[in-house]
Amino acid sequence: MSITPIPKRIREARGIIGISQRQLGVNIGLELTVASSRMNQYEQGKRVPDFGSLELIAEALDVPVAYFFCKDDKMAELVKLFDHLSEEGKEALLAKLKVQLPDLK
């Protein structure tokens, strides 16, 4: 069992958009011959992608890199949703949260 949420997050995000491990690997620039096995290793927690690879995976899966580091499912969903807001939407949401949580620094 992996202690990092990265494998689970890659697997979930890939499943949502409905592409294979091989296709994801190819989409991030891996050779066709290693794409499936490398992505499988990432999803099984046998290998951990470096930050550059995570950036490519995030772009291919349309999620922010921060999504991969969220242990809590609700936080992961919040990070994904926040990332898709416009700058104005992000500012408005942050302002509302600051009103709701005034003592939080």
N, C-alpha and C. Protein backbone atom coordinates (compact mmCIF):
# COMPACT_ATOMS: atom_id res chain seq x y z
N MET A 1 0.84 -1.19 0.00
CA MET A 1 0.00 0.00 0.00
C MET A 1 0.88 1.25 0.00
N SER A 2 0.53 2.18 -0.82
CA SER A 2 1.31 3.40 -0.97
C SER A 2 0.96 4.40 0.12
N ILE A 3 1.96 5.13 0.60
CA ILE A 3 1.70 6.16 1.59
C ILE A 3 1.42 7.51 0.94
N THR A 4 1.60 7.59 -0.35
CA THR A 4 1.31 8.81 -1.08
C THR A 4 -0.01 8.66 -1.82
N PRO A 5 -0.77 9.74 -1.93
CA PRO A 5 -2.04 9.65 -2.66
C PRO A 5 -1.88 9.69 -4.18
N ILE A 6 -0.67 9.88 -4.67
CA ILE A 6 -0.45 10.04 -6.11
C ILE A 6 -1.01 8.89 -6.94
N PRO A 7 -0.73 7.63 -6.60
CA PRO A 7 -1.26 6.53 -7.43
C PRO A 7 -2.79 6.56 -7.56
N LYS A 8 -3.45 6.75 -6.44
CA LYS A 8 -4.92 6.78 -6.44
C LYS A 8 -5.44 7.94 -7.29
N ARG A 9 -4.82 9.09 -7.15
CA ARG A 9 -5.29 10.27 -7.88
C ARG A 9 -5.08 10.12 -9.39
N ILE A 10 -3.94 9.56 -9.79
CA ILE A 10 -3.72 9.34 -11.23
C ILE A 10 -4.78 8.39 -11.77
N ARG A 11 -5.00 7.29 -11.06
CA ARG A 11 -5.97 6.28 -11.48
C ARG A 11 -7.37 6.89 -11.59
N GLU A 12 -7.77 7.66 -10.57
CA GLU A 12 -9.10 8.27 -10.58
C GLU A 12 -9.28 9.25 -11.73
N ALA A 13 -8.32 10.15 -11.89
CA ALA A 13 -8.43 11.18 -12.93
C ALA A 13 -8.41 10.56 -14.32
N ARG A 14 -7.59 9.53 -14.50
CA ARG A 14 -7.53 8.85 -15.79
C ARG A 14 -8.87 8.16 -16.08
N GLY A 15 -9.45 7.55 -15.05
CA GLY A 15 -10.74 6.88 -15.21
C GLY A 15 -11.86 7.84 -15.57
N ILE A 16 -11.80 9.03 -15.01
CA ILE A 16 -12.84 10.03 -15.28
C ILE A 16 -12.85 10.42 -16.76
N ILE A 17 -11.66 10.58 -17.34
CA ILE A 17 -11.65 10.98 -18.75
C ILE A 17 -11.67 9.77 -19.69
N GLY A 18 -11.54 8.57 -19.12
CA GLY A 18 -11.73 7.36 -19.90
C GLY A 18 -10.64 7.01 -20.88
N ILE A 19 -9.39 7.18 -20.48
CA ILE A 19 -8.30 6.77 -21.37
C ILE A 19 -7.50 5.65 -20.70
N SER A 20 -6.81 4.89 -21.51
CA SER A 20 -6.01 3.78 -21.00
C SER A 20 -4.69 4.29 -20.42
N GLN A 21 -4.04 3.42 -19.65
CA GLN A 21 -2.72 3.75 -19.14
C GLN A 21 -1.77 4.03 -20.30
N ARG A 22 -1.85 3.20 -21.31
CA ARG A 22 -0.98 3.38 -22.49
C ARG A 22 -1.21 4.74 -23.13
N GLN A 23 -2.47 5.10 -23.33
CA GLN A 23 -2.76 6.38 -23.98
C GLN A 23 -2.26 7.55 -23.14
N LEU A 24 -2.44 7.48 -21.84
CA LEU A 24 -1.94 8.55 -20.97
C LEU A 24 -0.43 8.65 -21.09
N GLY A 25 0.24 7.52 -21.04
CA GLY A 25 1.70 7.53 -21.17
C GLY A 25 2.16 8.14 -22.48
N VAL A 26 1.51 7.76 -23.56
CA VAL A 26 1.86 8.32 -24.88
C VAL A 26 1.57 9.82 -24.90
N ASN A 27 0.45 10.22 -24.30
CA ASN A 27 0.08 11.64 -24.27
C ASN A 27 1.10 12.50 -23.53
N ILE A 28 1.82 11.91 -22.57
CA ILE A 28 2.82 12.69 -21.84
C ILE A 28 4.22 12.51 -22.42
N GLY A 29 4.31 11.82 -23.54
CA GLY A 29 5.58 11.73 -24.23
C GLY A 29 6.39 10.47 -24.03
N LEU A 30 5.80 9.45 -23.39
CA LEU A 30 6.52 8.19 -23.23
C LEU A 30 6.47 7.39 -24.53
N GLU A 31 7.49 6.58 -24.74
CA GLU A 31 7.51 5.69 -25.90
C GLU A 31 6.36 4.68 -25.77
N LEU A 32 5.78 4.33 -26.88
CA LEU A 32 4.65 3.40 -26.90
C LEU A 32 5.00 2.08 -26.20
N THR A 33 6.24 1.63 -26.34
CA THR A 33 6.64 0.33 -25.77
C THR A 33 6.70 0.34 -24.25
N VAL A 34 6.84 1.51 -23.63
CA VAL A 34 6.94 1.57 -22.16
C VAL A 34 5.78 2.31 -21.51
N ALA A 35 4.94 2.95 -22.32
CA ALA A 35 3.89 3.82 -21.78
C ALA A 35 2.96 3.11 -20.80
N SER A 36 2.44 1.96 -21.18
CA SER A 36 1.48 1.24 -20.34
C SER A 36 2.13 0.76 -19.04
N SER A 37 3.30 0.16 -19.15
CA SER A 37 3.95 -0.37 -17.94
C SER A 37 4.38 0.74 -16.99
N ARG A 38 4.86 1.86 -17.53
CA ARG A 38 5.26 2.97 -16.67
C ARG A 38 4.07 3.56 -15.93
N MET A 39 2.97 3.77 -16.64
CA MET A 39 1.79 4.32 -15.99
C MET A 39 1.23 3.34 -14.97
N ASN A 40 1.31 2.04 -15.27
CA ASN A 40 0.87 1.03 -14.31
C ASN A 40 1.72 1.09 -13.05
N GLN A 41 3.01 1.27 -13.21
CA GLN A 41 3.91 1.38 -12.05
C GLN A 41 3.56 2.62 -11.22
N TYR A 42 3.23 3.72 -11.87
CA TYR A 42 2.81 4.92 -11.15
C TYR A 42 1.51 4.66 -10.39
N GLU A 43 0.55 4.03 -11.05
CA GLU A 43 -0.76 3.79 -10.43
C GLU A 43 -0.71 2.74 -9.33
N GLN A 44 0.26 1.85 -9.38
CA GLN A 44 0.42 0.83 -8.34
C GLN A 44 1.33 1.31 -7.20
N GLY A 45 1.93 2.48 -7.36
CA GLY A 45 2.82 3.01 -6.33
C GLY A 45 4.20 2.37 -6.34
N LYS A 46 4.54 1.67 -7.41
CA LYS A 46 5.85 1.03 -7.51
C LYS A 46 6.92 2.02 -7.93
N ARG A 47 6.52 3.07 -8.61
CA ARG A 47 7.39 4.17 -9.00
C ARG A 47 6.64 5.46 -8.70
N VAL A 48 7.40 6.49 -8.38
CA VAL A 48 6.81 7.80 -8.14
C VAL A 48 7.28 8.74 -9.25
N PRO A 49 6.34 9.35 -9.97
CA PRO A 49 6.76 10.27 -11.04
C PRO A 49 7.44 11.50 -10.46
N ASP A 50 8.46 12.00 -11.17
CA ASP A 50 9.09 13.24 -10.72
C ASP A 50 8.12 14.40 -10.98
N PHE A 51 8.48 15.57 -10.47
CA PHE A 51 7.55 16.70 -10.57
C PHE A 51 7.25 17.07 -12.01
N GLY A 52 8.26 17.03 -12.87
CA GLY A 52 8.03 17.34 -14.28
C GLY A 52 7.04 16.39 -14.92
N SER A 53 7.16 15.11 -14.59
CA SER A 53 6.21 14.12 -15.11
C SER A 53 4.82 14.36 -14.55
N LEU A 54 4.74 14.72 -13.28
CA LEU A 54 3.43 15.03 -12.68
C LEU A 54 2.78 16.22 -13.37
N GLU A 55 3.59 17.21 -13.74
CA GLU A 55 3.03 18.35 -14.47
C GLU A 55 2.44 17.91 -15.80
N LEU A 56 3.14 17.04 -16.50
CA LEU A 56 2.64 16.53 -17.78
C LEU A 56 1.37 15.70 -17.60
N ILE A 57 1.37 14.86 -16.57
CA ILE A 57 0.20 14.03 -16.28
C ILE A 57 -0.99 14.91 -15.91
N ALA A 58 -0.75 15.92 -15.09
CA ALA A 58 -1.81 16.84 -14.69
C ALA A 58 -2.42 17.54 -15.90
N GLU A 59 -1.56 18.00 -16.79
CA GLU A 59 -2.05 18.67 -18.00
C GLU A 59 -2.88 17.70 -18.86
N ALA A 60 -2.39 16.48 -19.02
CA ALA A 60 -3.10 15.49 -19.83
C ALA A 60 -4.44 15.11 -19.23
N LEU A 61 -4.53 15.13 -17.90
CA LEU A 61 -5.76 14.72 -17.21
C LEU A 61 -6.64 15.90 -16.82
N ASP A 62 -6.20 17.12 -17.14
CA ASP A 62 -6.95 18.34 -16.85
C ASP A 62 -7.23 18.51 -15.35
N VAL A 63 -6.18 18.29 -14.56
CA VAL A 63 -6.25 18.53 -13.12
C VAL A 63 -5.01 19.34 -12.72
N PRO A 64 -5.08 20.09 -11.61
CA PRO A 64 -3.89 20.78 -11.15
C PRO A 64 -2.93 19.80 -10.48
N VAL A 65 -1.66 20.11 -10.48
CA VAL A 65 -0.66 19.24 -9.85
C VAL A 65 -1.00 19.01 -8.38
N ALA A 66 -1.51 20.03 -7.71
CA ALA A 66 -1.85 19.91 -6.29
C ALA A 66 -2.84 18.77 -6.02
N TYR A 67 -3.67 18.46 -6.99
CA TYR A 67 -4.66 17.39 -6.87
C TYR A 67 -4.00 16.07 -6.47
N PHE A 68 -2.82 15.80 -7.01
CA PHE A 68 -2.14 14.53 -6.75
C PHE A 68 -1.67 14.39 -5.30
N PHE A 69 -1.59 15.49 -4.58
CA PHE A 69 -1.06 15.46 -3.23
C PHE A 69 -2.14 15.51 -2.15
N CYS A 70 -3.40 15.54 -2.56
CA CYS A 70 -4.51 15.59 -1.60
C CYS A 70 -4.84 14.19 -1.10
N LYS A 71 -4.67 13.97 0.20
CA LYS A 71 -5.02 12.67 0.78
C LYS A 71 -6.53 12.53 0.93
N ASP A 72 -7.20 13.61 1.24
CA ASP A 72 -8.64 13.61 1.46
C ASP A 72 -9.38 13.79 0.13
N ASP A 73 -10.37 12.95 -0.12
CA ASP A 73 -11.13 13.00 -1.38
C ASP A 73 -11.86 14.33 -1.57
N LYS A 74 -12.41 14.88 -0.50
CA LYS A 74 -13.12 16.15 -0.61
C LYS A 74 -12.16 17.28 -0.95
N MET A 75 -10.98 17.25 -0.36
CA MET A 75 -9.98 18.27 -0.67
C MET A 75 -9.55 18.15 -2.13
N ALA A 76 -9.38 16.92 -2.61
CA ALA A 76 -9.00 16.71 -4.01
C ALA A 76 -10.06 17.28 -4.94
N GLU A 77 -11.32 17.04 -4.62
CA GLU A 77 -12.40 17.58 -5.44
C GLU A 77 -12.41 19.10 -5.40
N LEU A 78 -12.21 19.66 -4.21
CA LEU A 78 -12.17 21.11 -4.06
C LEU A 78 -11.04 21.72 -4.88
N VAL A 79 -9.88 21.10 -4.85
CA VAL A 79 -8.72 21.59 -5.61
C VAL A 79 -9.03 21.57 -7.11
N LYS A 80 -9.65 20.49 -7.58
CA LYS A 80 -10.02 20.40 -9.00
C LYS A 80 -11.02 21.49 -9.38
N LEU A 81 -12.05 21.65 -8.57
CA LEU A 81 -13.07 22.65 -8.87
C LEU A 81 -12.50 24.06 -8.83
N PHE A 82 -11.70 24.35 -7.82
CA PHE A 82 -11.09 25.67 -7.68
C PHE A 82 -10.24 26.00 -8.91
N ASP A 83 -9.51 25.02 -9.39
CA ASP A 83 -8.63 25.22 -10.54
C ASP A 83 -9.41 25.61 -11.80
N HIS A 84 -10.64 25.18 -11.90
CA HIS A 84 -11.43 25.47 -13.09
C HIS A 84 -12.20 26.79 -13.01
N LEU A 85 -12.14 27.45 -11.87
CA LEU A 85 -12.78 28.76 -11.75
C LEU A 85 -11.98 29.82 -12.49
N SER A 86 -12.66 30.86 -12.92
CA SER A 86 -11.96 32.02 -13.48
C SER A 86 -11.21 32.72 -12.33
N GLU A 87 -10.33 33.63 -12.67
CA GLU A 87 -9.61 34.38 -11.63
C GLU A 87 -10.60 35.13 -10.74
N GLU A 88 -11.63 35.69 -11.36
CA GLU A 88 -12.65 36.42 -10.58
C GLU A 88 -13.40 35.46 -9.65
N GLY A 89 -13.70 34.28 -10.15
CA GLY A 89 -14.37 33.27 -9.33
C GLY A 89 -13.52 32.83 -8.16
N LYS A 90 -12.23 32.67 -8.41
CA LYS A 90 -11.30 32.29 -7.33
C LYS A 90 -11.26 33.38 -6.26
N GLU A 91 -11.16 34.63 -6.70
CA GLU A 91 -11.12 35.75 -5.75
C GLU A 91 -12.41 35.82 -4.93
N ALA A 92 -13.55 35.63 -5.59
CA ALA A 92 -14.84 35.68 -4.90
C ALA A 92 -14.95 34.56 -3.87
N LEU A 93 -14.54 33.36 -4.25
CA LEU A 93 -14.61 32.23 -3.33
C LEU A 93 -13.68 32.44 -2.14
N LEU A 94 -12.47 32.91 -2.40
CA LEU A 94 -11.54 33.18 -1.30
C LEU A 94 -12.09 34.25 -0.36
N ALA A 95 -12.71 35.28 -0.91
CA ALA A 95 -13.29 36.33 -0.07
C ALA A 95 -14.39 35.76 0.83
N LYS A 96 -15.24 34.89 0.26
CA LYS A 96 -16.31 34.28 1.06
C LYS A 96 -15.73 33.39 2.16
N LEU A 97 -14.70 32.64 1.84
CA LEU A 97 -14.09 31.77 2.85
C LEU A 97 -13.45 32.59 3.97
N LYS A 98 -12.85 33.70 3.62
CA LYS A 98 -12.23 34.55 4.64
C LYS A 98 -13.27 35.13 5.59
N VAL A 99 -14.46 35.43 5.06
CA VAL A 99 -15.56 35.91 5.91
C VAL A 99 -16.03 34.77 6.82
N GLN A 100 -16.13 33.57 6.28
CA GLN A 100 -16.58 32.41 7.05
C GLN A 100 -15.58 32.00 8.13
N LEU A 101 -14.30 32.22 7.86
CA LEU A 101 -13.23 31.78 8.76
C LEU A 101 -12.31 32.94 9.11
N PRO A 102 -12.83 33.96 9.80
CA PRO A 102 -12.04 35.17 10.04
C PRO A 102 -10.81 34.95 10.92
N ASP A 103 -10.82 33.95 11.77
CA ASP A 103 -9.70 33.74 12.69
C ASP A 103 -8.57 32.93 12.06
N LEU A 104 -8.80 32.41 10.89
CA LEU A 104 -7.78 31.60 10.22
C LEU A 104 -6.81 32.52 9.49
N LYS A 105 -5.56 32.32 9.72
CA LYS A 105 -4.55 33.19 9.09
C LYS A 105 -3.99 32.57 7.86
